[in-house]
Amino acid sequence: MDNILVENIDSLHTTDLGVERIRRNLGLGCIDVVAWCKEKILEPDAEIKRQGKNYYVHKDRYVITVNASSYTIITCHKE
């Protein structure tokens, strides 16, 4: 894959508030949200687009928003 986000997947992270926001938005419970987001991003049919300072990943009716310079997962929500 020729995508900067995928190439830097090991740098993907979020804040404590980001973890809570993502869990609340998706109803995920006590799972590792960074690992969950990485799995979605790495799936072959994930649609990754950069718009301005963020990446938007569309997969399985979810949208994951990632800051393009820090690789911080900002939020994730259902489409």
PDB file of N, CA and C in Angstrom:
ATOM      1  N   MET A   1       0.844  -1.188   0.000  1.00  0.00           N
ATOM      2  CA  MET A   1       0.000   0.000   0.000  1.00  0.00           C
ATOM      3  C   MET A   1       0.877   1.236   0.000  1.00  0.00           C
ATOM      4  N   ASP A   2       0.501   2.191  -0.780  1.00  0.00           N
ATOM      5  CA  ASP A   2       1.280   3.411  -0.890  1.00  0.00           C
ATOM      6  C   ASP A   2       0.531   4.546  -0.196  1.00  0.00           C
ATOM      7  N   ASN A   3       0.452   4.468   1.111  1.00  0.00           N
ATOM      8  CA  ASN A   3      -0.288   5.461   1.869  1.00  0.00           C
ATOM      9  C   ASN A   3       0.513   5.827   3.104  1.00  0.00           C
ATOM     10  N   ILE A   4       0.717   7.114   3.328  1.00  0.00           N
ATOM     11  CA  ILE A   4       1.528   7.591   4.447  1.00  0.00           C
ATOM     12  C   ILE A   4       0.953   7.125   5.788  1.00  0.00           C
ATOM     13  N   LEU A   5      -0.372   7.162   5.937  1.00  0.00           N
ATOM     14  CA  LEU A   5      -0.989   6.730   7.195  1.00  0.00           C
ATOM     15  C   LEU A   5      -0.693   5.259   7.458  1.00  0.00           C
ATOM     16  N   VAL A   6      -0.831   4.423   6.454  1.00  0.00           N
ATOM     17  CA  VAL A   6      -0.557   2.995   6.611  1.00  0.00           C
ATOM     18  C   VAL A   6       0.924   2.770   6.909  1.00  0.00           C
ATOM     19  N   GLU A   7       1.790   3.515   6.245  1.00  0.00           N
ATOM     20  CA  GLU A   7       3.227   3.377   6.470  1.00  0.00           C
ATOM     21  C   GLU A   7       3.617   3.738   7.900  1.00  0.00           C
ATOM     22  N   ASN A   8       2.852   4.619   8.533  1.00  0.00           N
ATOM     23  CA  ASN A   8       3.143   5.069   9.897  1.00  0.00           C
ATOM     24  C   ASN A   8       2.147   4.532  10.921  1.00  0.00           C
ATOM     25  N   ILE A   9       1.566   3.378  10.641  1.00  0.00           N
ATOM     26  CA  ILE A   9       0.522   2.822  11.499  1.00  0.00           C
ATOM     27  C   ILE A   9       1.015   2.596  12.928  1.00  0.00           C
ATOM     28  N   ASP A  10       2.301   2.323  13.116  1.00  0.00           N
ATOM     29  CA  ASP A  10       2.828   2.104  14.462  1.00  0.00           C
ATOM     30  C   ASP A  10       2.883   3.386  15.285  1.00  0.00           C
ATOM     31  N   SER A  11       2.771   4.531  14.639  1.00  0.00           N
ATOM     32  CA  SER A  11       2.754   5.816  15.341  1.00  0.00           C
ATOM     33  C   SER A  11       1.350   6.221  15.780  1.00  0.00           C
ATOM     34  N   LEU A  12       0.350   5.468  15.358  1.00  0.00           N
ATOM     35  CA  LEU A  12      -1.039   5.789  15.669  1.00  0.00           C
ATOM     36  C   LEU A  12      -1.281   5.702  17.174  1.00  0.00           C
ATOM     37  N   HIS A  13      -1.916   6.715  17.727  1.00  0.00           N
ATOM     38  CA  HIS A  13      -2.210   6.759  19.156  1.00  0.00           C
ATOM     39  C   HIS A  13      -3.390   7.691  19.388  1.00  0.00           C
ATOM     40  N   THR A  14      -3.840   7.773  20.629  1.00  0.00           N
ATOM     41  CA  THR A  14      -4.873   8.733  20.998  1.00  0.00           C
ATOM     42  C   THR A  14      -4.662   9.139  22.439  1.00  0.00           C
ATOM     43  N   THR A  15      -5.438  10.100  22.888  1.00  0.00           N
ATOM     44  CA  THR A  15      -5.353  10.576  24.267  1.00  0.00           C
ATOM     45  C   THR A  15      -6.341   9.797  25.129  1.00  0.00           C
ATOM     46  N   ASP A  16      -6.252   9.978  26.439  1.00  0.00           N
ATOM     47  CA  ASP A  16      -7.213   9.336  27.339  1.00  0.00           C
ATOM     48  C   ASP A  16      -8.629   9.811  27.037  1.00  0.00           C
ATOM     49  N   LEU A  17      -8.780  11.109  26.762  1.00  0.00           N
ATOM     50  CA  LEU A  17     -10.099  11.632  26.407  1.00  0.00           C
ATOM     51  C   LEU A  17     -10.570  11.067  25.073  1.00  0.00           C
ATOM     52  N   GLY A  18      -9.637  10.866  24.155  1.00  0.00           N
ATOM     53  CA  GLY A  18      -9.971  10.280  22.864  1.00  0.00           C
ATOM     54  C   GLY A  18     -10.487   8.860  23.011  1.00  0.00           C
ATOM     55  N   VAL A  19      -9.873   8.093  23.906  1.00  0.00           N
ATOM     56  CA  VAL A  19     -10.322   6.715  24.158  1.00  0.00           C
ATOM     57  C   VAL A  19     -11.761   6.724  24.637  1.00  0.00           C
ATOM     58  N   GLU A  20     -12.052   7.578  25.601  1.00  0.00           N
ATOM     59  CA  GLU A  20     -13.412   7.642  26.140  1.00  0.00           C
ATOM     60  C   GLU A  20     -14.419   8.103  25.093  1.00  0.00           C
ATOM     61  N   ARG A  21     -14.034   9.113  24.284  1.00  0.00           N
ATOM     62  CA  ARG A  21     -14.919   9.636  23.240  1.00  0.00           C
ATOM     63  C   ARG A  21     -15.244   8.555  22.205  1.00  0.00           C
ATOM     64  N   ILE A  22     -14.227   7.807  21.779  1.00  0.00           N
ATOM     65  CA  ILE A  22     -14.422   6.761  20.771  1.00  0.00           C
ATOM     66  C   ILE A  22     -15.279   5.632  21.336  1.00  0.00           C
ATOM     67  N   ARG A  23     -14.984   5.216  22.555  1.00  0.00           N
ATOM     68  CA  ARG A  23     -15.796   4.161  23.181  1.00  0.00           C
ATOM     69  C   ARG A  23     -17.259   4.589  23.296  1.00  0.00           C
ATOM     70  N   ARG A  24     -17.479   5.833  23.686  1.00  0.00           N
ATOM     71  CA  ARG A  24     -18.849   6.348  23.828  1.00  0.00           C
ATOM     72  C   ARG A  24     -19.540   6.434  22.466  1.00  0.00           C
ATOM     73  N   ASN A  25     -18.846   6.965  21.464  1.00  0.00           N
ATOM     74  CA  ASN A  25     -19.437   7.122  20.131  1.00  0.00           C
ATOM     75  C   ASN A  25     -19.826   5.791  19.495  1.00  0.00           C
ATOM     76  N   LEU A  26     -19.024   4.765  19.746  1.00  0.00           N
ATOM     77  CA  LEU A  26     -19.234   3.488  19.071  1.00  0.00           C
ATOM     78  C   LEU A  26     -19.823   2.410  19.972  1.00  0.00           C
ATOM     79  N   GLY A  27     -19.917   2.681  21.258  1.00  0.00           N
ATOM     80  CA  GLY A  27     -20.427   1.682  22.183  1.00  0.00           C
ATOM     81  C   GLY A  27     -19.525   0.456  22.246  1.00  0.00           C
ATOM     82  N   LEU A  28     -18.207   0.680  22.263  1.00  0.00           N
ATOM     83  CA  LEU A  28     -17.258  -0.427  22.177  1.00  0.00           C
ATOM     84  C   LEU A  28     -16.940  -1.083  23.509  1.00  0.00           C
ATOM     85  N   GLY A  29     -17.252  -0.457  24.627  1.00  0.00           N
ATOM     86  CA  GLY A  29     -16.904  -1.060  25.912  1.00  0.00           C
ATOM     87  C   GLY A  29     -15.416  -0.932  26.173  1.00  0.00           C
ATOM     88  N   CYS A  30     -14.874  -1.886  26.884  1.00  0.00           N
ATOM     89  CA  CYS A  30     -13.474  -1.808  27.343  1.00  0.00           C
ATOM     90  C   CYS A  30     -12.509  -2.519  26.400  1.00  0.00           C
ATOM     91  N   ILE A  31     -12.496  -2.129  25.146  1.00  0.00           N
ATOM     92  CA  ILE A  31     -11.521  -2.714  24.220  1.00  0.00           C
ATOM     93  C   ILE A  31     -10.422  -1.695  23.940  1.00  0.00           C
ATOM     94  N   ASP A  32      -9.342  -2.146  23.357  1.00  0.00           N
ATOM     95  CA  ASP A  32      -8.235  -1.272  22.973  1.00  0.00           C
ATOM     96  C   ASP A  32      -8.643  -0.541  21.690  1.00  0.00           C
ATOM     97  N   VAL A  33      -9.034   0.726  21.826  1.00  0.00           N
ATOM     98  CA  VAL A  33      -9.554   1.450  20.664  1.00  0.00           C
ATOM     99  C   VAL A  33      -8.477   1.717  19.619  1.00  0.00           C
ATOM    100  N   VAL A  34      -7.233   1.875  20.030  1.00  0.00           N
ATOM    101  CA  VAL A  34      -6.161   2.094  19.054  1.00  0.00           C
ATOM    102  C   VAL A  34      -5.982   0.838  18.202  1.00  0.00           C
ATOM    103  N   ALA A  35      -5.975  -0.317  18.829  1.00  0.00           N
ATOM    104  CA  ALA A  35      -5.853  -1.576  18.073  1.00  0.00           C
ATOM    105  C   ALA A  35      -7.056  -1.756  17.154  1.00  0.00           C
ATOM    106  N   TRP A  36      -8.246  -1.420  17.631  1.00  0.00           N
ATOM    107  CA  TRP A  36      -9.461  -1.537  16.818  1.00  0.00           C
ATOM    108  C   TRP A  36      -9.350  -0.639  15.580  1.00  0.00           C
ATOM    109  N   CYS A  37      -8.904   0.600  15.779  1.00  0.00           N
ATOM    110  CA  CYS A  37      -8.760   1.536  14.656  1.00  0.00           C
ATOM    111  C   CYS A  37      -7.682   1.065  13.687  1.00  0.00           C
ATOM    112  N   LYS A  38      -6.570   0.553  14.209  1.00  0.00           N
ATOM    113  CA  LYS A  38      -5.511   0.043  13.336  1.00  0.00           C
ATOM    114  C   LYS A  38      -6.029  -1.077  12.444  1.00  0.00           C
ATOM    115  N   GLU A  39      -6.806  -1.991  13.030  1.00  0.00           N
ATOM    116  CA  GLU A  39      -7.372  -3.089  12.242  1.00  0.00           C
ATOM    117  C   GLU A  39      -8.233  -2.564  11.105  1.00  0.00           C
ATOM    118  N   LYS A  40      -9.082  -1.582  11.390  1.00  0.00           N
ATOM    119  CA  LYS A  40      -9.961  -1.011  10.361  1.00  0.00           C
ATOM    120  C   LYS A  40      -9.138  -0.334   9.271  1.00  0.00           C
ATOM    121  N   ILE A  41      -8.124   0.435   9.666  1.00  0.00           N
ATOM    122  CA  ILE A  41      -7.301   1.172   8.704  1.00  0.00           C
ATOM    123  C   ILE A  41      -6.527   0.221   7.795  1.00  0.00           C
ATOM    124  N   LEU A  42      -6.061  -0.893   8.341  1.00  0.00           N
ATOM    125  CA  LEU A  42      -5.238  -1.822   7.569  1.00  0.00           C
ATOM    126  C   LEU A  42      -6.029  -2.777   6.686  1.00  0.00           C
ATOM    127  N   GLU A  43      -7.346  -2.808   6.824  1.00  0.00           N
ATOM    128  CA  GLU A  43      -8.140  -3.677   5.959  1.00  0.00           C
ATOM    129  C   GLU A  43      -8.020  -3.187   4.514  1.00  0.00           C
ATOM    130  N   PRO A  44      -7.891  -4.117   3.568  1.00  0.00           N
ATOM    131  CA  PRO A  44      -7.620  -3.754   2.171  1.00  0.00           C
ATOM    132  C   PRO A  44      -8.659  -2.836   1.527  1.00  0.00           C
ATOM    133  N   ASP A  45      -9.899  -2.920   1.961  1.00  0.00           N
ATOM    134  CA  ASP A  45     -10.916  -2.084   1.327  1.00  0.00           C
ATOM    135  C   ASP A  45     -11.240  -0.809   2.112  1.00  0.00           C
ATOM    136  N   ALA A  46     -10.393  -0.460   3.086  1.00  0.00           N
ATOM    137  CA  ALA A  46     -10.579   0.794   3.814  1.00  0.00           C
ATOM    138  C   ALA A  46     -10.284   1.954   2.863  1.00  0.00           C
ATOM    139  N   GLU A  47     -11.146   2.953   2.873  1.00  0.00           N
ATOM    140  CA  GLU A  47     -10.977   4.130   2.022  1.00  0.00           C
ATOM    141  C   GLU A  47     -10.333   5.236   2.860  1.00  0.00           C
ATOM    142  N   ILE A  48      -9.090   5.593   2.500  1.00  0.00           N
ATOM    143  CA  ILE A  48      -8.330   6.586   3.251  1.00  0.00           C
ATOM    144  C   ILE A  48      -8.160   7.830   2.392  1.00  0.00           C
ATOM    145  N   LYS A  49      -8.607   8.963   2.940  1.00  0.00           N
ATOM    146  CA  LYS A  49      -8.476  10.235   2.225  1.00  0.00           C
ATOM    147  C   LYS A  49      -7.885  11.273   3.154  1.00  0.00           C
ATOM    148  N   ARG A  50      -6.988  12.062   2.627  1.00  0.00           N
ATOM    149  CA  ARG A  50      -6.476  13.188   3.397  1.00  0.00           C
ATOM    150  C   ARG A  50      -7.220  14.435   2.961  1.00  0.00           C
ATOM    151  N   GLN A  51      -7.702  15.173   3.952  1.00  0.00           N
ATOM    152  CA  GLN A  51      -8.375  16.437   3.685  1.00  0.00           C
ATOM    153  C   GLN A  51      -7.840  17.438   4.691  1.00  0.00           C
ATOM    154  N   GLY A  52      -7.058  18.399   4.203  1.00  0.00           N
ATOM    155  CA  GLY A  52      -6.454  19.377   5.099  1.00  0.00           C
ATOM    156  C   GLY A  52      -5.480  18.712   6.050  1.00  0.00           C
ATOM    157  N   LYS A  53      -5.671  18.951   7.343  1.00  0.00           N
ATOM    158  CA  LYS A  53      -4.732  18.429   8.334  1.00  0.00           C
ATOM    159  C   LYS A  53      -5.105  17.045   8.870  1.00  0.00           C
ATOM    160  N   ASN A  54      -6.161  16.449   8.339  1.00  0.00           N
ATOM    161  CA  ASN A  54      -6.622  15.162   8.853  1.00  0.00           C
ATOM    162  C   ASN A  54      -6.751  14.099   7.774  1.00  0.00           C
ATOM    163  N   TYR A  55      -6.634  12.844   8.210  1.00  0.00           N
ATOM    164  CA  TYR A  55      -6.999  11.706   7.395  1.00  0.00           C
ATOM    165  C   TYR A  55      -8.393  11.279   7.826  1.00  0.00           C
ATOM    166  N   TYR A  56      -9.189  10.855   6.868  1.00  0.00           N
ATOM    167  CA  TYR A  56     -10.512  10.301   7.143  1.00  0.00           C
ATOM    168  C   TYR A  56     -10.539   8.898   6.561  1.00  0.00           C
ATOM    169  N   VAL A  57     -10.781   7.925   7.427  1.00  0.00           N
ATOM    170  CA  VAL A  57     -10.802   6.529   7.011  1.00  0.00           C
ATOM    171  C   VAL A  57     -12.239   6.040   7.091  1.00  0.00           C
ATOM    172  N   HIS A  58     -12.779   5.597   5.958  1.00  0.00           N
ATOM    173  CA  HIS A  58     -14.140   5.070   5.881  1.00  0.00           C
ATOM    174  C   HIS A  58     -14.054   3.554   5.736  1.00  0.00           C
ATOM    175  N   LYS A  59     -14.659   2.849   6.701  1.00  0.00           N
ATOM    176  CA  LYS A  59     -14.647   1.387   6.672  1.00  0.00           C
ATOM    177  C   LYS A  59     -15.812   0.867   7.490  1.00  0.00           C
ATOM    178  N   ASP A  60     -16.574  -0.053   6.924  1.00  0.00           N
ATOM    179  CA  ASP A  60     -17.688  -0.711   7.626  1.00  0.00           C
ATOM    180  C   ASP A  60     -18.644   0.286   8.266  1.00  0.00           C
ATOM    181  N   ARG A  61     -18.961   1.339   7.548  1.00  0.00           N
ATOM    182  CA  ARG A  61     -19.888   2.380   8.016  1.00  0.00           C
ATOM    183  C   ARG A  61     -19.382   3.150   9.226  1.00  0.00           C
ATOM    184  N   TYR A  62     -18.047   3.179   9.408  1.00  0.00           N
ATOM    185  CA  TYR A  62     -17.399   3.992  10.434  1.00  0.00           C
ATOM    186  C   TYR A  62     -16.505   5.004   9.752  1.00  0.00           C
ATOM    187  N   VAL A  63     -16.298   6.133  10.414  1.00  0.00           N
ATOM    188  CA  VAL A  63     -15.334   7.126   9.949  1.00  0.00           C
ATOM    189  C   VAL A  63     -14.350   7.369  11.085  1.00  0.00           C
ATOM    190  N   ILE A  64     -13.073   7.130  10.819  1.00  0.00           N
ATOM    191  CA  ILE A  64     -12.012   7.372  11.788  1.00  0.00           C
ATOM    192  C   ILE A  64     -11.284   8.630  11.346  1.00  0.00           C
ATOM    193  N   THR A  65     -11.139   9.593  12.248  1.00  0.00           N
ATOM    194  CA  THR A  65     -10.451  10.846  11.945  1.00  0.00           C
ATOM    195  C   THR A  65      -9.102  10.838  12.652  1.00  0.00           C
ATOM    196  N   VAL A  66      -8.021  11.027  11.865  1.00  0.00           N
ATOM    197  CA  VAL A  66      -6.659  10.971  12.387  1.00  0.00           C
ATOM    198  C   VAL A  66      -5.918  12.237  11.973  1.00  0.00           C
ATOM    199  N   ASN A  67      -5.242  12.879  12.925  1.00  0.00           N
ATOM    200  CA  ASN A  67      -4.430  14.047  12.609  1.00  0.00           C
ATOM    201  C   ASN A  67      -3.256  13.596  11.746  1.00  0.00           C
ATOM    202  N   ALA A  68      -3.041  14.276  10.622  1.00  0.00           N
ATOM    203  CA  ALA A  68      -2.046  13.853   9.635  1.00  0.00           C
ATOM    204  C   ALA A  68      -0.605  14.096  10.080  1.00  0.00           C
ATOM    205  N   SER A  69      -0.362  15.026  10.976  1.00  0.00           N
ATOM    206  CA  SER A  69       1.021  15.295  11.371  1.00  0.00           C
ATOM    207  C   SER A  69       1.438  14.534  12.625  1.00  0.00           C
ATOM    208  N   SER A  70       0.503  14.284  13.549  1.00  0.00           N
ATOM    209  CA  SER A  70       0.860  13.622  14.802  1.00  0.00           C
ATOM    210  C   SER A  70       0.389  12.173  14.877  1.00  0.00           C
ATOM    211  N   TYR A  71      -0.457  11.748  13.922  1.00  0.00           N
ATOM    212  CA  TYR A  71      -1.047  10.407  13.898  1.00  0.00           C
ATOM    213  C   TYR A  71      -1.891  10.128  15.153  1.00  0.00           C
ATOM    214  N   THR A  72      -2.500  11.190  15.676  1.00  0.00           N
ATOM    215  CA  THR A  72      -3.403  11.058  16.818  1.00  0.00           C
ATOM    216  C   THR A  72      -4.817  10.787  16.302  1.00  0.00           C
ATOM    217  N   ILE A  73      -5.443   9.742  16.823  1.00  0.00           N
ATOM    218  CA  ILE A  73      -6.830   9.466  16.472  1.00  0.00           C
ATOM    219  C   ILE A  73      -7.679  10.495  17.217  1.00  0.00           C
ATOM    220  N   ILE A  74      -8.351  11.327  16.466  1.00  0.00           N
ATOM    221  CA  ILE A  74      -9.155  12.396  17.052  1.00  0.00           C
ATOM    222  C   ILE A  74     -10.515  11.850  17.491  1.00  0.00           C
ATOM    223  N   THR A  75     -11.172  11.161  16.594  1.00  0.00           N
ATOM    224  CA  THR A  75     -12.480  10.588  16.909  1.00  0.00           C
ATOM    225  C   THR A  75     -12.809   9.486  15.920  1.00  0.00           C
ATOM    226  N   CYS A  76     -13.869   8.800  16.224  1.00  0.00           N
ATOM    227  CA  CYS A  76     -14.417   7.790  15.333  1.00  0.00           C
ATOM    228  C   CYS A  76     -15.901   7.769  15.581  1.00  0.00           C
ATOM    229  N   HIS A  77     -16.669   7.704  14.509  1.00  0.00           N
ATOM    230  CA  HIS A  77     -18.123   7.676  14.650  1.00  0.00           C
ATOM    231  C   HIS A  77     -18.746   6.848  13.531  1.00  0.00           C
ATOM    232  N   LYS A  78     -19.995   6.499  13.731  1.00  0.00           N
ATOM    233  CA  LYS A  78     -20.729   5.759  12.711  1.00  0.00           C
ATOM    234  C   LYS A  78     -21.211   6.733  11.649  1.00  0.00           C
ATOM    235  N   GLU A  79     -21.202   6.287  10.394  1.00  0.00           N
ATOM    236  CA  GLU A  79     -21.700   7.120   9.296  1.00  0.00           C
ATOM    237  C   GLU A  79     -23.203   7.191   9.338  1.00  0.00           C
TER     238      GLU A  79
END
